[in-house]
Protein backbone atom coordinates (compact mmCIF):
# COMPACT_ATOMS: atom_id res chain seq x y z
CA MET A 1 20.04 -69.73 142.62
CA ASP A 2 21.32 -67.10 139.62
CA VAL A 3 18.30 -64.94 138.17
CA PRO A 4 18.97 -62.04 135.79
CA ARG A 5 19.46 -59.05 137.45
CA GLU A 6 16.62 -58.13 134.42
CA LEU A 7 13.93 -59.97 136.77
CA GLN A 8 14.52 -58.56 139.69
CA TYR A 9 13.12 -55.58 138.85
CA ASN A 10 10.62 -56.26 135.52
CA GLY A 11 7.20 -55.83 137.00
CA HIS A 12 5.93 -58.59 134.94
CA TRP A 13 8.17 -61.01 137.05
CA ARG A 14 6.65 -59.74 140.79
CA MET A 15 3.41 -59.69 139.09
CA ALA A 16 4.26 -63.53 138.08
CA VAL A 17 5.18 -64.23 141.37
CA TRP A 18 2.76 -62.40 143.50
CA ALA A 19 0.28 -64.53 141.14
CA LEU A 20 1.62 -67.64 141.32
CA ARG A 21 1.51 -66.67 145.22
CA VAL A 22 -2.46 -66.38 145.21
CA GLY A 23 -2.44 -69.77 143.34
CA TYR A 24 -0.71 -71.31 146.69
CA VAL A 25 -3.80 -69.56 148.48
CA GLY A 26 -6.56 -70.69 145.90
CA LEU A 27 -4.93 -74.93 145.90
CA ALA A 28 -5.25 -74.76 149.60
CA VAL A 29 -9.23 -73.13 149.77
CA ALA A 30 -10.09 -75.80 146.35
CA ILE A 31 -8.39 -78.34 149.65
CA ALA A 32 -10.19 -76.59 152.49
CA GLY A 33 -13.00 -76.80 149.75
CA LEU A 34 -12.89 -81.06 148.91
CA ILE A 35 -12.86 -81.84 152.83
CA VAL A 36 -15.71 -79.39 153.14
CA MET A 37 -17.55 -81.28 150.41
CA TRP A 38 -16.45 -85.31 151.83
CA LEU A 39 -17.92 -84.31 155.06
CA GLY A 40 -21.25 -83.70 153.12
CA PHE A 41 -21.42 -79.47 152.13
CA THR A 42 -22.42 -77.35 149.65
CA PRO A 43 -19.09 -77.51 147.44
CA TRP A 44 -18.84 -73.69 147.37
CA VAL A 45 -16.05 -73.57 148.51
CA LEU A 46 -14.06 -75.88 146.33
CA ALA A 47 -15.71 -73.61 143.10
CA VAL A 48 -13.67 -70.13 144.75
CA GLY A 49 -10.91 -71.56 145.21
CA GLU A 50 -10.79 -73.55 141.51
CA ILE A 51 -11.73 -70.45 139.99
CA ILE A 52 -8.76 -68.22 142.36
CA TRP A 53 -6.38 -71.24 140.96
CA LEU A 54 -7.06 -70.79 137.48
CA ALA A 55 -6.77 -67.08 136.89
CA ALA A 56 -4.05 -66.98 139.29
CA ALA A 57 -2.06 -69.74 136.83
CA VAL A 58 -3.57 -66.69 133.55
CA VAL A 59 -1.38 -64.69 135.85
CA THR A 60 1.34 -66.19 136.05
CA LEU A 61 1.80 -67.94 132.70
CA ALA A 62 1.16 -63.94 131.62
CA GLY A 63 4.22 -62.93 132.87
CA PHE A 64 6.21 -65.26 133.04
CA PHE A 65 6.06 -65.28 129.28
CA TRP A 66 6.50 -61.22 129.10
CA SER A 67 9.70 -61.70 131.19
CA ARG A 68 10.99 -63.71 129.22
CA HIS A 69 10.54 -61.82 126.24
CA GLU A 70 11.54 -58.88 127.61
CA LEU A 71 14.69 -60.52 128.57
CA PRO A 72 17.98 -60.26 126.15
CA GLU A 73 18.50 -62.90 123.13
CA THR A 74 20.83 -64.99 125.68
CA ARG A 75 17.61 -65.80 127.86
CA PRO A 76 17.64 -69.31 130.01
CA GLY A 77 15.99 -72.12 128.86
CA PHE A 78 11.98 -72.81 130.45
CA TRP A 79 12.79 -75.49 132.70
CA SER A 80 15.45 -72.86 134.75
CA MET A 81 12.71 -69.94 134.68
CA ARG A 82 10.51 -71.46 136.29
CA PHE A 83 12.86 -72.85 138.99
CA MET A 84 13.23 -69.35 139.19
CA LEU A 85 9.96 -68.39 139.29
CA ILE A 86 9.06 -71.73 141.98
CA HIS A 87 12.02 -70.71 144.42
CA ASP A 88 10.91 -66.67 143.94
CA THR A 89 7.93 -67.38 145.61
CA VAL A 90 8.68 -68.74 148.22
CA HIS A 91 12.17 -67.50 149.31
CA ALA A 92 11.43 -62.66 149.83
CA ARG A 93 13.50 -60.82 149.09
CA PRO A 94 14.10 -57.77 151.55
CA SER A 95 14.31 -54.19 149.87
CA ALA A 96 17.68 -53.71 151.62
CA GLN A 97 18.66 -57.26 149.32
CA ARG A 98 17.24 -56.01 145.79
CA SER A 99 19.91 -52.64 145.07
């Protein structure tokens, strides 16, 4: 995945990447909440998972659009940036590689 160098050091991009990672956790909690509800328990686990997921989605979108806005005028398209974001959430770079 060819991520522009500007994005690697952009604080908004890193915020979007981490928010999406938190969103994955929120989604897992929501799925666990569905299972707990199915077993007949209270739906509070589902509610917590949904709140985490929605908050992470808002932060992810804000960071995504802010970082895209800060790129030079030959910006990548939304689809390619979306794939870059997903790629960055699952492929962490060691500190030594960033320089």
